[in-house]
Amino acid sequence: MDERNFNVEEHLSKLPVKRRNIDTNKWETIYADYLEVKWRMVWFRTENTERTCTIVKDKILDTERQFAYFELEVTDSKGNTEIGVGSETGSDFRDYIEKAYTKAYGRALSALGYGTQFSPELDEDERIVDSPVSKEKEKYNEDSITEPQKKAIYAIYTSLGYTEDKMRELIKERYSKSDSKLLTKYEASDLIDYLNLLKFKSESHKID
């Protein structure tokens, strides 16, 4: 492989993705092209050999309650900067710390445009660690929040004691949208991570 020319096709794998068939209204499994975060990182480093920077802006590692949160800022050689966040728990992943870091890194690379056309998301289960959205912003913005994400958001914000009005204010402030129904999958996943972080901090405060 030419060090200056990353061949995406050589590193694609197949990912099982559940989709609802609109004709039969049944869930079906298809296999979509998928580019793992490790290869997105190689692609990024191949095309950005100078003046790149990755900064951990914030992190929480609580091994007792098995919770990890990362906020990474990634800058390419052209000076473009994007931030990715990710949180995971030990109940979901044994290597939850690594998974949280990878999720944050993958999202930052996604925002910078690396490999996002090869990163399908599961409609039933949004737990793919490195699952950013489609590469083109327009197409990505049409990828709407899923029902499982809506349920997850509702469950977390009610456990925090938040009202619907408070959630609308939060969504308007973070995403400039009036309702969670208008969020994309990516925004919904980001919101779930943010609410999980708030929940963790709230529970930590009670214990302290």
Protein backbone atom coordinates (compact mmCIF):
# COMPACT_ATOMS: atom_id res chain seq x y z
CA MET A 1 0.00 0.00 0.00
CA ASP A 2 1.28 3.44 -0.94
CA GLU A 3 1.90 5.32 2.28
CA ARG A 4 0.32 8.40 0.72
CA ASN A 5 -2.71 6.61 -0.75
CA PHE A 6 -4.96 4.66 1.60
CA ASN A 7 -7.09 2.09 -0.22
CA VAL A 8 -10.38 1.91 1.65
CA GLU A 9 -11.64 -1.10 -0.30
CA GLU A 10 -8.81 -3.28 1.03
CA HIS A 11 -9.96 -2.83 4.63
CA LEU A 12 -13.74 -3.11 4.45
CA SER A 13 -15.50 -5.82 6.42
CA LYS A 14 -19.14 -6.89 6.47
CA LEU A 15 -21.34 -5.80 9.35
CA PRO A 16 -24.74 -7.41 10.07
CA VAL A 17 -27.34 -4.66 10.17
CA LYS A 18 -30.99 -5.06 11.04
CA ARG A 19 -33.40 -3.10 8.86
CA ARG A 20 -37.18 -3.07 8.80
CA ASN A 21 -38.65 -4.11 5.45
CA ILE A 22 -41.25 -1.45 4.68
CA ASP A 23 -43.20 -3.89 2.51
CA THR A 24 -43.45 -6.76 5.01
CA ASN A 25 -42.97 -4.67 8.17
CA LYS A 26 -40.51 -7.30 9.38
CA TRP A 27 -36.91 -7.00 10.52
CA GLU A 28 -34.32 -8.40 8.12
CA THR A 29 -30.56 -8.78 8.47
CA ILE A 30 -28.36 -7.41 5.70
CA TYR A 31 -24.56 -7.20 5.51
CA ALA A 32 -23.21 -3.73 4.87
CA ASP A 33 -19.68 -2.53 4.12
CA TYR A 34 -18.03 -1.36 7.33
CA LEU A 35 -14.73 0.37 8.04
CA GLU A 36 -13.48 -0.08 11.60
CA VAL A 37 -12.19 2.89 13.55
CA LYS A 38 -8.64 1.51 13.51
CA TRP A 39 -8.63 1.75 9.71
CA ARG A 40 -10.20 5.22 9.79
CA MET A 41 -7.31 6.20 12.04
CA VAL A 42 -4.81 4.80 9.53
CA TRP A 43 -6.58 6.65 6.71
CA PHE A 44 -6.53 9.88 8.70
CA ARG A 45 -2.84 9.56 9.54
CA THR A 46 -1.99 8.68 5.92
CA GLU A 47 -3.58 11.86 4.62
CA ASN A 48 -2.48 14.06 7.51
CA THR A 49 1.22 13.58 8.13
CA GLU A 50 1.94 17.00 9.63
CA ARG A 51 0.56 19.21 12.38
CA THR A 52 -2.19 16.84 13.47
CA CYS A 53 -3.30 16.87 17.08
CA THR A 54 -5.49 14.76 19.32
CA ILE A 55 -6.35 16.18 22.74
CA VAL A 56 -8.32 14.56 25.54
CA LYS A 57 -10.50 17.49 26.55
CA ASP A 58 -12.29 15.59 29.29
CA LYS A 59 -12.46 12.07 30.68
CA ILE A 60 -14.08 10.19 33.53
CA LEU A 61 -12.89 6.73 34.50
CA ASP A 62 -14.78 5.15 37.37
CA THR A 63 -13.73 1.52 37.69
CA GLU A 64 -15.84 0.98 40.78
CA ARG A 65 -19.07 1.75 38.93
CA GLN A 66 -17.58 0.75 35.57
CA PHE A 67 -18.25 3.96 33.73
CA ALA A 68 -15.99 5.67 31.17
CA TYR A 69 -16.44 8.96 29.33
CA PHE A 70 -14.12 10.66 26.85
CA GLU A 71 -14.22 13.94 24.96
CA LEU A 72 -11.56 14.11 22.25
CA GLU A 73 -10.57 17.00 20.02
CA VAL A 74 -8.95 15.97 16.73
CA THR A 75 -7.27 18.43 14.34
CA ASP A 76 -6.13 17.55 10.82
CA SER A 77 -3.17 19.00 8.91
CA LYS A 78 -5.39 21.67 7.34
CA GLY A 79 -6.40 23.01 10.73
CA ASN A 80 -9.92 21.53 10.71
CA THR A 81 -10.94 20.59 14.24
CA GLU A 82 -13.79 18.37 15.41
CA ILE A 83 -14.80 17.01 18.80
CA GLY A 84 -16.10 13.52 19.50
CA VAL A 85 -17.60 12.23 22.72
CA GLY A 86 -18.25 8.70 23.89
CA SER A 87 -19.37 6.92 27.02
CA GLU A 88 -19.74 3.25 27.88
CA THR A 89 -20.47 1.09 30.90
CA GLY A 90 -19.13 -2.25 32.06
CA SER A 91 -22.61 -3.74 31.82
CA ASP A 92 -22.47 -3.23 28.04
CA PHE A 93 -18.81 -3.92 27.33
CA ARG A 94 -16.11 -5.72 29.26
CA ASP A 95 -13.49 -3.35 27.78
CA TYR A 96 -15.74 -0.33 28.34
CA ILE A 97 -12.84 2.13 28.79
CA GLU A 98 -11.31 1.30 25.42
CA LYS A 99 -14.75 1.25 23.79
CA ALA A 100 -15.60 4.72 25.14
CA TYR A 101 -12.30 6.13 23.83
CA THR A 102 -12.80 4.46 20.45
CA LYS A 103 -16.33 5.80 20.18
CA ALA A 104 -15.15 9.34 20.87
CA TYR A 105 -12.29 9.02 18.38
CA GLY A 106 -14.56 7.50 15.75
CA ARG A 107 -17.06 10.32 16.08
CA ALA A 108 -14.37 12.96 15.72
CA LEU A 109 -13.04 11.25 12.59
CA SER A 110 -16.61 10.95 11.36
CA ALA A 111 -17.09 14.69 11.64
CA LEU A 112 -13.84 15.18 9.73
CA GLY A 113 -15.16 12.91 6.98
CA TYR A 114 -13.12 9.72 7.35
CA GLY A 115 -14.91 6.46 6.57
CA THR A 116 -18.39 7.58 7.46
CA GLN A 117 -19.92 6.19 4.26
CA PHE A 118 -18.89 2.75 5.52
CA SER A 119 -20.37 2.97 9.01
CA PRO A 120 -23.99 1.77 9.09
CA GLU A 121 -25.87 1.95 12.38
CA LEU A 122 -28.10 -0.74 13.79
CA ASP A 123 -31.72 0.39 13.99
CA GLU A 124 -32.62 -1.97 16.84
CA ASP A 125 -29.39 -1.71 18.77
CA GLU A 126 -27.26 1.43 18.57
CA ARG A 127 -24.39 -0.10 20.54
CA ILE A 128 -21.80 -0.22 17.76
CA VAL A 129 -18.90 1.60 19.35
CA ASP A 130 -17.60 3.30 16.26
CA SER A 131 -20.81 4.06 14.44
CA PRO A 132 -20.75 7.55 12.95
CA VAL A 133 -23.19 8.71 10.32
CA SER A 134 -23.09 8.99 6.57
CA LYS A 135 -20.30 11.05 5.03
CA GLU A 136 -22.38 13.66 3.24
CA LYS A 137 -23.88 16.14 5.71
CA GLU A 138 -27.15 16.34 3.76
CA LYS A 139 -27.66 12.58 3.71
CA TYR A 140 -26.57 12.30 7.32
CA ASN A 141 -29.06 14.92 8.43
CA GLU A 142 -31.90 12.84 6.93
CA ASP A 143 -30.97 9.84 9.06
CA SER A 144 -33.57 10.26 11.79
CA ILE A 145 -33.59 9.21 15.43
CA THR A 146 -34.77 5.63 15.99
CA GLU A 147 -37.44 4.36 18.36
CA PRO A 148 -34.90 2.60 20.63
CA GLN A 149 -33.02 5.89 20.93
CA LYS A 150 -36.22 7.75 21.83
CA LYS A 151 -36.94 5.20 24.55
CA ALA A 152 -33.39 5.41 25.88
CA ILE A 153 -33.50 9.22 26.03
CA TYR A 154 -36.85 9.15 27.83
CA ALA A 155 -35.65 6.55 30.35
CA ILE A 156 -32.50 8.48 31.20
CA TYR A 157 -33.99 11.96 31.47
CA THR A 158 -36.88 10.73 33.63
CA SER A 159 -34.37 9.02 35.93
CA LEU A 160 -32.66 12.41 36.21
CA GLY A 161 -35.95 14.01 37.17
CA TYR A 162 -36.01 16.21 34.06
CA THR A 163 -39.27 17.52 32.67
CA GLU A 164 -40.19 17.62 28.98
CA ASP A 165 -39.73 21.39 28.99
CA LYS A 166 -36.23 21.07 30.44
CA MET A 167 -35.35 18.51 27.76
CA ARG A 168 -36.63 20.77 25.00
CA GLU A 169 -34.44 23.57 26.32
CA LEU A 170 -31.42 21.26 26.44
CA ILE A 171 -32.04 19.99 22.90
CA LYS A 172 -32.52 23.51 21.59
CA GLU A 173 -29.27 24.65 23.23
CA ARG A 174 -27.17 21.68 22.04
CA TYR A 175 -28.66 20.97 18.62
CA SER A 176 -30.76 24.05 17.73
CA LYS A 177 -33.85 21.87 17.38
CA SER A 178 -37.19 22.16 19.10
CA ASP A 179 -37.87 18.48 19.82
CA SER A 180 -36.05 15.18 20.18
CA LYS A 181 -38.10 13.79 17.28
CA LEU A 182 -36.14 16.08 14.97
CA LEU A 183 -32.73 14.73 16.00
CA THR A 184 -30.58 12.61 13.71
CA LYS A 185 -29.28 9.23 14.82
CA TYR A 186 -25.89 10.76 15.46
CA GLU A 187 -27.33 13.64 17.52
CA ALA A 188 -29.51 11.21 19.47
CA SER A 189 -26.51 9.01 20.24
CA ASP A 190 -24.57 12.07 21.35
CA LEU A 191 -27.48 13.14 23.56
CA ILE A 192 -27.66 9.68 25.16
CA ASP A 193 -23.96 9.89 26.02
CA TYR A 194 -24.43 13.39 27.44
CA LEU A 195 -27.41 12.33 29.57
CA ASN A 196 -25.47 9.29 30.79
CA LEU A 197 -22.68 11.64 31.84
CA LEU A 198 -25.14 13.85 33.74
CA LYS A 199 -26.65 10.79 35.39
CA PHE A 200 -23.21 9.54 36.42
CA LYS A 201 -22.28 12.92 37.91
CA SER A 202 -25.61 13.12 39.73
CA GLU A 203 -25.17 9.65 41.23
CA SER A 204 -21.56 10.43 42.18
CA HIS A 205 -22.69 13.57 43.97
CA LYS A 206 -25.27 11.61 45.98
CA ILE A 207 -22.68 9.05 47.06
CA ASP A 208 -20.11 11.71 47.95
